């Protein structure tokens, strides 16, 4: 199922397969949609942005941003002043300069992601925080 989220001049399309942790829908956490220039990377239910990004990294949804070992010098990975972010449980280096996000308020109650289909029109009613 695809869900459209409209805000500002963007329309993001999130599908069930984009949601990293669908079992967390009842957590009361907001949904963080991580995107790159409007193209959805993934969506994560998390209490804050850092946890959303780390969860996405740990589930291999952010591999396109992982810095190759041959480029470590360019990013100062092994220096005191790196120009990258160390993310996930493994604290691997990532270049997330082009990563954007949208935070959506949590749904009042949903038992699973399949039920989101029933409230698709309401998705536009979720507000960007």
Protein backbone atom coordinates (compact mmCIF):
# COMPACT_ATOMS: atom_id res chain seq x y z
CA UNK A 1 0.00 0.00 0.00
CA UNK A 2 1.24 3.51 -0.79
CA UNK A 3 0.57 6.56 1.37
CA UNK A 4 0.96 10.11 0.10
CA UNK A 5 2.16 12.82 2.44
CA UNK A 6 1.90 16.41 1.23
CA UNK A 7 3.72 19.34 2.82
CA UNK A 8 5.11 22.60 1.50
CA UNK A 9 5.97 21.90 -2.17
CA UNK A 10 6.62 18.19 -1.64
CA UNK A 11 4.54 15.08 -2.06
CA UNK A 12 6.24 12.02 -0.62
CA UNK A 13 5.00 8.51 -1.32
CA UNK A 14 5.68 6.00 1.44
CA UNK A 15 4.97 2.33 0.87
CA UNK A 16 4.68 -0.46 3.43
CA UNK A 17 8.13 -1.73 2.45
CA UNK A 18 9.64 1.68 3.31
CA UNK A 19 8.62 1.38 6.96
CA UNK A 20 11.57 0.03 8.92
CA UNK A 21 9.72 -0.98 12.08
CA UNK A 22 6.00 -1.45 11.32
CA UNK A 23 5.43 -3.18 14.68
CA UNK A 24 6.10 0.14 16.44
CA UNK A 25 3.01 1.86 15.04
CA UNK A 26 1.33 1.71 18.47
CA UNK A 27 4.40 3.08 20.23
CA UNK A 28 3.06 6.62 20.35
CA UNK A 29 6.20 7.79 18.54
CA UNK A 30 6.10 10.07 15.50
CA UNK A 31 6.81 8.68 12.05
CA UNK A 32 10.06 10.04 10.63
CA UNK A 33 10.16 9.98 6.84
CA UNK A 34 13.78 10.13 5.72
CA UNK A 35 14.19 11.37 2.16
CA UNK A 36 16.79 12.57 -0.30
CA UNK A 37 15.52 15.55 -2.30
CA UNK A 38 11.97 14.27 -2.04
CA UNK A 39 12.72 10.62 -2.79
CA UNK A 40 11.81 8.44 0.18
CA UNK A 41 14.70 6.50 1.70
CA UNK A 42 12.61 4.94 4.48
CA UNK A 43 10.20 5.73 7.30
CA UNK A 44 10.77 4.94 10.98
CA UNK A 45 8.64 5.12 14.12
CA UNK A 46 11.00 6.62 16.70
CA UNK A 47 11.03 8.98 19.66
CA UNK A 48 13.49 11.36 18.02
CA UNK A 49 15.41 11.89 14.79
CA UNK A 50 18.72 10.39 15.93
CA UNK A 51 17.02 7.13 16.91
CA UNK A 52 15.15 7.08 13.60
CA UNK A 53 18.38 7.46 11.63
CA UNK A 54 20.22 4.87 13.74
CA UNK A 55 17.35 2.39 13.32
CA UNK A 56 17.40 2.95 9.55
CA UNK A 57 21.17 2.40 9.46
CA UNK A 58 20.93 -0.78 11.52
CA UNK A 59 18.28 -2.11 9.11
CA UNK A 60 20.54 -1.37 6.09
CA UNK A 61 18.22 1.30 4.67
CA UNK A 62 20.98 3.93 4.58
CA UNK A 63 23.74 1.99 2.83
CA UNK A 64 23.80 4.49 -0.05
CA UNK A 65 25.26 7.03 2.41
CA UNK A 66 27.92 4.73 3.88
CA UNK A 67 31.40 6.06 3.24
CA UNK A 68 33.69 3.60 1.47
CA UNK A 69 36.92 2.87 3.29
CA UNK A 70 38.90 4.20 0.32
CA UNK A 71 37.31 7.63 0.94
CA UNK A 72 38.02 7.81 4.68
CA UNK A 73 40.82 10.34 4.20
CA UNK A 74 38.52 12.70 2.27
CA UNK A 75 36.12 12.76 5.23
CA UNK A 76 38.78 12.77 7.95
CA UNK A 77 37.28 9.59 9.39
CA UNK A 78 40.35 8.70 11.45
CA UNK A 79 41.06 12.25 12.63
CA UNK A 80 39.87 14.41 15.51
CA UNK A 81 37.72 16.49 13.12
CA UNK A 82 35.76 14.18 10.80
CA UNK A 83 33.34 15.71 8.30
CA UNK A 84 30.84 12.87 8.46
CA UNK A 85 28.37 11.30 10.90
CA UNK A 86 28.97 8.07 12.78
CA UNK A 87 25.66 6.21 12.90
CA UNK A 88 24.01 3.00 13.97
CA UNK A 89 25.08 0.44 16.53
CA UNK A 90 28.40 0.00 14.73
CA UNK A 91 29.09 3.78 14.54
CA UNK A 92 30.05 3.53 10.90
CA UNK A 93 30.84 6.72 8.93
CA UNK A 94 28.04 8.13 6.75
CA UNK A 95 27.76 11.21 4.56
CA UNK A 96 24.17 12.34 5.14
CA UNK A 97 24.46 15.91 3.85
CA UNK A 98 21.62 15.35 1.36
CA UNK A 99 19.33 13.53 3.81
CA UNK A 100 16.12 15.34 4.69
CA UNK A 101 13.33 14.37 7.02
CA UNK A 102 9.69 14.98 7.82
CA UNK A 103 8.29 14.28 11.27
CA UNK A 104 4.64 13.25 11.32
CA UNK A 105 2.61 13.24 14.50
CA UNK A 106 1.84 9.72 15.70
CA UNK A 107 -1.54 8.25 14.86
CA UNK A 108 -3.99 8.12 17.75
CA UNK A 109 -4.21 4.32 17.61
CA UNK A 110 -3.46 1.74 14.95
CA UNK A 111 -2.86 -1.95 15.47
CA UNK A 112 -0.74 -2.49 12.36
CA UNK A 113 0.45 -0.76 9.21
CA UNK A 114 -2.13 -2.51 7.05
CA UNK A 115 -4.80 -0.47 8.84
CA UNK A 116 -3.17 2.73 7.61
CA UNK A 117 -4.86 2.01 4.30
CA UNK A 118 -8.18 2.72 5.97
CA UNK A 119 -7.03 6.19 7.01
CA UNK A 120 -5.14 7.12 3.87
CA UNK A 121 -7.12 10.35 3.40
CA UNK A 122 -6.28 11.25 6.98
CA UNK A 123 -2.57 10.94 6.27
CA UNK A 124 -2.73 14.41 4.76
CA UNK A 125 -4.32 15.49 8.04
CA UNK A 126 -1.26 14.37 9.97
CA UNK A 127 0.69 17.52 10.44
CA UNK A 128 4.35 18.13 9.96
CA UNK A 129 5.86 19.06 13.30
